[in-house]
Amino acid sequence: MKRIVIQAEKCAGCRQCEMVCSYHHTGEFSPTYARVTVYKDDRDGLDYPVICHQCSQCPPMEVCPADAITKTKEGWTKADSSACIGCGACVEACKYEAIKLSEKAVICDLCGGDPECVSRCPTGALSYIESPESIETPESAFNRLREKWSLE
């Protein structure tokens, strides 16, 4: 399955991915409405984009009391805002911190197969490619980068 793959070493922290995502989905430039979030560790100067991993076994889907998190026929995870009751159970269940609650659940929908964040990333930190499921959480990514760059 095609997924958005993150190469954190290339992320400059510009947050262009957030802005383009937000504008594509809402017509507004606001990180609040973006389906991708760039986490920053200002202490060590690290940035890490977080986006839905499109897990085959999706815990947020299993815990949603309104059945608002579903899979498309392509296998993509999506949130149905008309069904979402805004309880936040999906946010708590996602170990990758890839779901936001902005009144309703907000999750990456891969822009229907042509992710805007990937095409607009100026450093190439995001790729849309065939890939196995990732197991890297934001915390483990920061730890890996700190170790790589001897920041511990």
C-alpha atoms as a PDB file:
ATOM      1  CA  MET A   1       0.000   0.000   0.000  1.00  0.00           C
ATOM      2  CA  LYS A   2       1.183   3.533  -0.720  1.00  0.00           C
ATOM      3  CA  ARG A   3       1.829   5.614   2.358  1.00  0.00           C
ATOM      4  CA  ILE A   4       3.408   8.936   3.212  1.00  0.00           C
ATOM      5  CA  VAL A   5       6.895   8.130   4.439  1.00  0.00           C
ATOM      6  CA  ILE A   6       8.779  10.629   6.585  1.00  0.00           C
ATOM      7  CA  GLN A   7      12.519  11.237   6.369  1.00  0.00           C
ATOM      8  CA  ALA A   8      12.860  13.324   9.510  1.00  0.00           C
ATOM      9  CA  GLU A   9      16.511  14.094   8.800  1.00  0.00           C
ATOM     10  CA  LYS A  10      15.359  16.205   5.843  1.00  0.00           C
ATOM     11  CA  CYS A  11      12.644  18.181   7.680  1.00  0.00           C
ATOM     12  CA  ALA A  12      13.554  21.869   8.034  1.00  0.00           C
ATOM     13  CA  GLY A  13      10.569  22.643  10.247  1.00  0.00           C
ATOM     14  CA  CYS A  14       9.133  25.176   7.794  1.00  0.00           C
ATOM     15  CA  ARG A  15       5.584  23.820   8.331  1.00  0.00           C
ATOM     16  CA  GLN A  16       4.713  24.341   4.665  1.00  0.00           C
ATOM     17  CA  CYS A  17       3.155  20.850   4.738  1.00  0.00           C
ATOM     18  CA  GLU A  18       0.721  22.034   7.431  1.00  0.00           C
ATOM     19  CA  MET A  19      -0.239  25.174   5.539  1.00  0.00           C
ATOM     20  CA  VAL A  20      -0.784  23.473   2.190  1.00  0.00           C
ATOM     21  CA  CYS A  21      -2.795  20.677   3.853  1.00  0.00           C
ATOM     22  CA  SER A  22      -4.995  23.104   5.728  1.00  0.00           C
ATOM     23  CA  TYR A  23      -5.627  25.221   2.643  1.00  0.00           C
ATOM     24  CA  HIS A  24      -6.356  22.177   0.486  1.00  0.00           C
ATOM     25  CA  HIS A  25      -8.996  20.898   2.921  1.00  0.00           C
ATOM     26  CA  THR A  26     -10.545  24.102   4.271  1.00  0.00           C
ATOM     27  CA  GLY A  27      -9.459  27.043   2.141  1.00  0.00           C
ATOM     28  CA  GLU A  28      -7.704  28.507   5.202  1.00  0.00           C
ATOM     29  CA  PHE A  29      -4.032  28.624   6.127  1.00  0.00           C
ATOM     30  CA  SER A  30      -4.196  27.294   9.688  1.00  0.00           C
ATOM     31  CA  PRO A  31      -2.215  24.484  11.347  1.00  0.00           C
ATOM     32  CA  THR A  32      -5.328  23.752  13.400  1.00  0.00           C
ATOM     33  CA  TYR A  33      -7.025  22.307  10.316  1.00  0.00           C
ATOM     34  CA  ALA A  34      -3.999  20.488   8.887  1.00  0.00           C
ATOM     35  CA  ARG A  35      -3.918  16.706   8.806  1.00  0.00           C
ATOM     36  CA  VAL A  36      -0.139  16.783   9.294  1.00  0.00           C
ATOM     37  CA  THR A  37       1.560  18.291  12.333  1.00  0.00           C
ATOM     38  CA  VAL A  38       5.212  19.246  12.623  1.00  0.00           C
ATOM     39  CA  TYR A  39       6.342  18.564  16.170  1.00  0.00           C
ATOM     40  CA  LYS A  40       9.252  20.686  17.291  1.00  0.00           C
ATOM     41  CA  ASP A  41      11.858  20.063  19.932  1.00  0.00           C
ATOM     42  CA  ASP A  42      13.288  23.529  20.336  1.00  0.00           C
ATOM     43  CA  ARG A  43      15.824  22.386  22.930  1.00  0.00           C
ATOM     44  CA  ASP A  44      17.656  20.274  20.370  1.00  0.00           C
ATOM     45  CA  GLY A  45      16.450  22.023  17.202  1.00  0.00           C
ATOM     46  CA  LEU A  46      14.632  18.956  15.873  1.00  0.00           C
ATOM     47  CA  ASP A  47      11.469  18.871  13.784  1.00  0.00           C
ATOM     48  CA  TYR A  48       9.334  15.846  12.985  1.00  0.00           C
ATOM     49  CA  PRO A  49       6.239  15.756  10.755  1.00  0.00           C
ATOM     50  CA  VAL A  50       3.497  13.492  12.086  1.00  0.00           C
ATOM     51  CA  ILE A  51       0.867  12.083   9.770  1.00  0.00           C
ATOM     52  CA  CYS A  52      -1.425   9.059   9.705  1.00  0.00           C
ATOM     53  CA  HIS A  53       0.499   5.817   9.150  1.00  0.00           C
ATOM     54  CA  GLN A  54      -2.539   4.201   7.495  1.00  0.00           C
ATOM     55  CA  CYS A  55      -2.290   1.220   9.867  1.00  0.00           C
ATOM     56  CA  SER A  56      -3.954  -1.977   8.699  1.00  0.00           C
ATOM     57  CA  GLN A  57      -5.034  -2.641  12.299  1.00  0.00           C
ATOM     58  CA  CYS A  58      -6.358   0.776  13.310  1.00  0.00           C
ATOM     59  CA  PRO A  59      -7.019   1.165  17.077  1.00  0.00           C
ATOM     60  CA  PRO A  60      -8.825   4.524  16.618  1.00  0.00           C
ATOM     61  CA  MET A  61     -11.310   2.806  14.306  1.00  0.00           C
ATOM     62  CA  GLU A  62     -11.914   0.100  16.897  1.00  0.00           C
ATOM     63  CA  VAL A  63     -12.647   2.520  19.765  1.00  0.00           C
ATOM     64  CA  CYS A  64     -14.780   5.094  17.945  1.00  0.00           C
ATOM     65  CA  PRO A  65     -18.293   4.850  19.464  1.00  0.00           C
ATOM     66  CA  ALA A  66     -19.834   6.562  16.421  1.00  0.00           C
ATOM     67  CA  ASP A  67     -18.057   4.424  13.783  1.00  0.00           C
ATOM     68  CA  ALA A  68     -16.739   7.656  12.268  1.00  0.00           C
ATOM     69  CA  ILE A  69     -13.255   6.248  11.546  1.00  0.00           C
ATOM     70  CA  THR A  70     -13.430   3.866   8.598  1.00  0.00           C
ATOM     71  CA  LYS A  71     -11.340   2.395   5.779  1.00  0.00           C
ATOM     72  CA  THR A  72     -11.899   3.229   2.124  1.00  0.00           C
ATOM     73  CA  LYS A  73     -11.923   0.532  -0.553  1.00  0.00           C
ATOM     74  CA  GLU A  74      -8.280   1.503  -1.205  1.00  0.00           C
ATOM     75  CA  GLY A  75      -7.462   0.747   2.439  1.00  0.00           C
ATOM     76  CA  TRP A  76      -6.982   4.368   3.533  1.00  0.00           C
ATOM     77  CA  THR A  77      -8.165   5.439   6.961  1.00  0.00           C
ATOM     78  CA  LYS A  78     -10.639   8.305   6.976  1.00  0.00           C
ATOM     79  CA  ALA A  79     -12.735  10.262   9.436  1.00  0.00           C
ATOM     80  CA  ASP A  80     -16.364  10.993   8.627  1.00  0.00           C
ATOM     81  CA  SER A  81     -17.013  14.430  10.129  1.00  0.00           C
ATOM     82  CA  SER A  82     -20.770  14.024   9.781  1.00  0.00           C
ATOM     83  CA  ALA A  83     -20.676  10.914  11.987  1.00  0.00           C
ATOM     84  CA  CYS A  84     -18.007  12.124  14.446  1.00  0.00           C
ATOM     85  CA  ILE A  85     -19.329  13.123  17.873  1.00  0.00           C
ATOM     86  CA  GLY A  86     -16.067  14.813  18.942  1.00  0.00           C
ATOM     87  CA  CYS A  87     -15.446  12.550  21.960  1.00  0.00           C
ATOM     88  CA  GLY A  88     -11.694  12.234  21.323  1.00  0.00           C
ATOM     89  CA  ALA A  89     -11.500   8.462  21.826  1.00  0.00           C
ATOM     90  CA  CYS A  90      -9.701   8.125  18.477  1.00  0.00           C
ATOM     91  CA  VAL A  91      -7.109  10.733  19.472  1.00  0.00           C
ATOM     92  CA  GLU A  92      -6.292   8.808  22.642  1.00  0.00           C
ATOM     93  CA  ALA A  93      -6.120   5.484  20.766  1.00  0.00           C
ATOM     94  CA  CYS A  94      -3.655   6.634  18.084  1.00  0.00           C
ATOM     95  CA  LYS A  95      -0.154   5.869  19.351  1.00  0.00           C
ATOM     96  CA  TYR A  96       1.326   7.907  16.516  1.00  0.00           C
ATOM     97  CA  GLU A  97      -0.492  11.109  17.575  1.00  0.00           C
ATOM     98  CA  ALA A  98      -1.759  11.442  14.006  1.00  0.00           C
ATOM     99  CA  ILE A  99      -5.388  12.370  14.738  1.00  0.00           C
ATOM    100  CA  LYS A 100      -6.377  15.857  15.823  1.00  0.00           C
ATOM    101  CA  LEU A 101      -9.640  16.983  17.319  1.00  0.00           C
ATOM    102  CA  SER A 102     -10.834  20.289  15.907  1.00  0.00           C
ATOM    103  CA  GLU A 103     -14.435  19.958  17.054  1.00  0.00           C
ATOM    104  CA  LYS A 104     -14.434  16.784  14.940  1.00  0.00           C
ATOM    105  CA  ALA A 105     -11.709  14.223  14.266  1.00  0.00           C
ATOM    106  CA  VAL A 106      -9.217  15.302  11.599  1.00  0.00           C
ATOM    107  CA  ILE A 107      -7.043  12.650   9.939  1.00  0.00           C
ATOM    108  CA  CYS A 108      -4.985  12.470   6.757  1.00  0.00           C
ATOM    109  CA  ASP A 109      -7.017  11.291   3.768  1.00  0.00           C
ATOM    110  CA  LEU A 110      -3.976  11.234   1.446  1.00  0.00           C
ATOM    111  CA  CYS A 111      -5.746  13.913  -0.623  1.00  0.00           C
ATOM    112  CA  GLY A 112      -7.450  11.120  -2.520  1.00  0.00           C
ATOM    113  CA  GLY A 113      -4.127   9.614  -3.613  1.00  0.00           C
ATOM    114  CA  ASP A 114      -2.149  12.753  -4.501  1.00  0.00           C
ATOM    115  CA  PRO A 115      -0.976  14.225  -1.164  1.00  0.00           C
ATOM    116  CA  GLU A 116      -0.434  17.967  -1.378  1.00  0.00           C
ATOM    117  CA  CYS A 117       2.043  17.960   1.517  1.00  0.00           C
ATOM    118  CA  VAL A 118       4.351  15.605  -0.389  1.00  0.00           C
ATOM    119  CA  SER A 119       4.345  17.594  -3.609  1.00  0.00           C
ATOM    120  CA  ARG A 120       4.933  20.888  -1.761  1.00  0.00           C
ATOM    121  CA  CYS A 121       7.621  19.819   0.733  1.00  0.00           C
ATOM    122  CA  PRO A 122      10.659  21.920  -0.231  1.00  0.00           C
ATOM    123  CA  THR A 123      13.217  19.512   1.293  1.00  0.00           C
ATOM    124  CA  GLY A 124      11.751  16.193   0.179  1.00  0.00           C
ATOM    125  CA  ALA A 125      11.151  15.035   3.761  1.00  0.00           C
ATOM    126  CA  LEU A 126       7.822  13.489   2.702  1.00  0.00           C
ATOM    127  CA  SER A 127       7.393  10.806   0.046  1.00  0.00           C
ATOM    128  CA  TYR A 128       4.284   8.974  -1.139  1.00  0.00           C
ATOM    129  CA  ILE A 129       5.492   5.477  -1.933  1.00  0.00           C
ATOM    130  CA  GLU A 130       4.730   1.788  -1.538  1.00  0.00           C
ATOM    131  CA  SER A 131       5.859   1.048   1.983  1.00  0.00           C
ATOM    132  CA  PRO A 132       5.318  -1.353   4.852  1.00  0.00           C
ATOM    133  CA  GLU A 133       3.694   0.047   7.962  1.00  0.00           C
ATOM    134  CA  SER A 134       5.928   2.304  10.004  1.00  0.00           C
ATOM    135  CA  ILE A 135       6.510   1.701  13.682  1.00  0.00           C
ATOM    136  CA  GLU A 136       8.191   4.997  14.528  1.00  0.00           C
ATOM    137  CA  THR A 137       6.325   7.208  16.972  1.00  0.00           C
ATOM    138  CA  PRO A 138       7.206  10.910  17.300  1.00  0.00           C
ATOM    139  CA  GLU A 139       9.011  10.169  20.577  1.00  0.00           C
ATOM    140  CA  SER A 140      11.079   7.346  19.081  1.00  0.00           C
ATOM    141  CA  ALA A 141      11.923   9.528  16.066  1.00  0.00           C
ATOM    142  CA  PHE A 142      13.197  12.332  18.294  1.00  0.00           C
ATOM    143  CA  ASN A 143      15.261   9.813  20.287  1.00  0.00           C
ATOM    144  CA  ARG A 144      16.726   8.341  17.079  1.00  0.00           C
ATOM    145  CA  LEU A 145      17.638  11.800  15.772  1.00  0.00           C
ATOM    146  CA  ARG A 146      19.199  12.857  19.088  1.00  0.00           C
ATOM    147  CA  GLU A 147      21.323   9.710  19.069  1.00  0.00           C
ATOM    148  CA  LYS A 148      22.297  10.141  15.417  1.00  0.00           C
ATOM    149  CA  TRP A 149      23.405  13.715  15.963  1.00  0.00           C
ATOM    150  CA  SER A 150      24.892  13.055  19.446  1.00  0.00           C
ATOM    151  CA  LEU A 151      22.480  15.417  21.204  1.00  0.00           C
ATOM    152  CA  GLU A 152      21.957  13.298  24.342  1.00  0.00           C
END
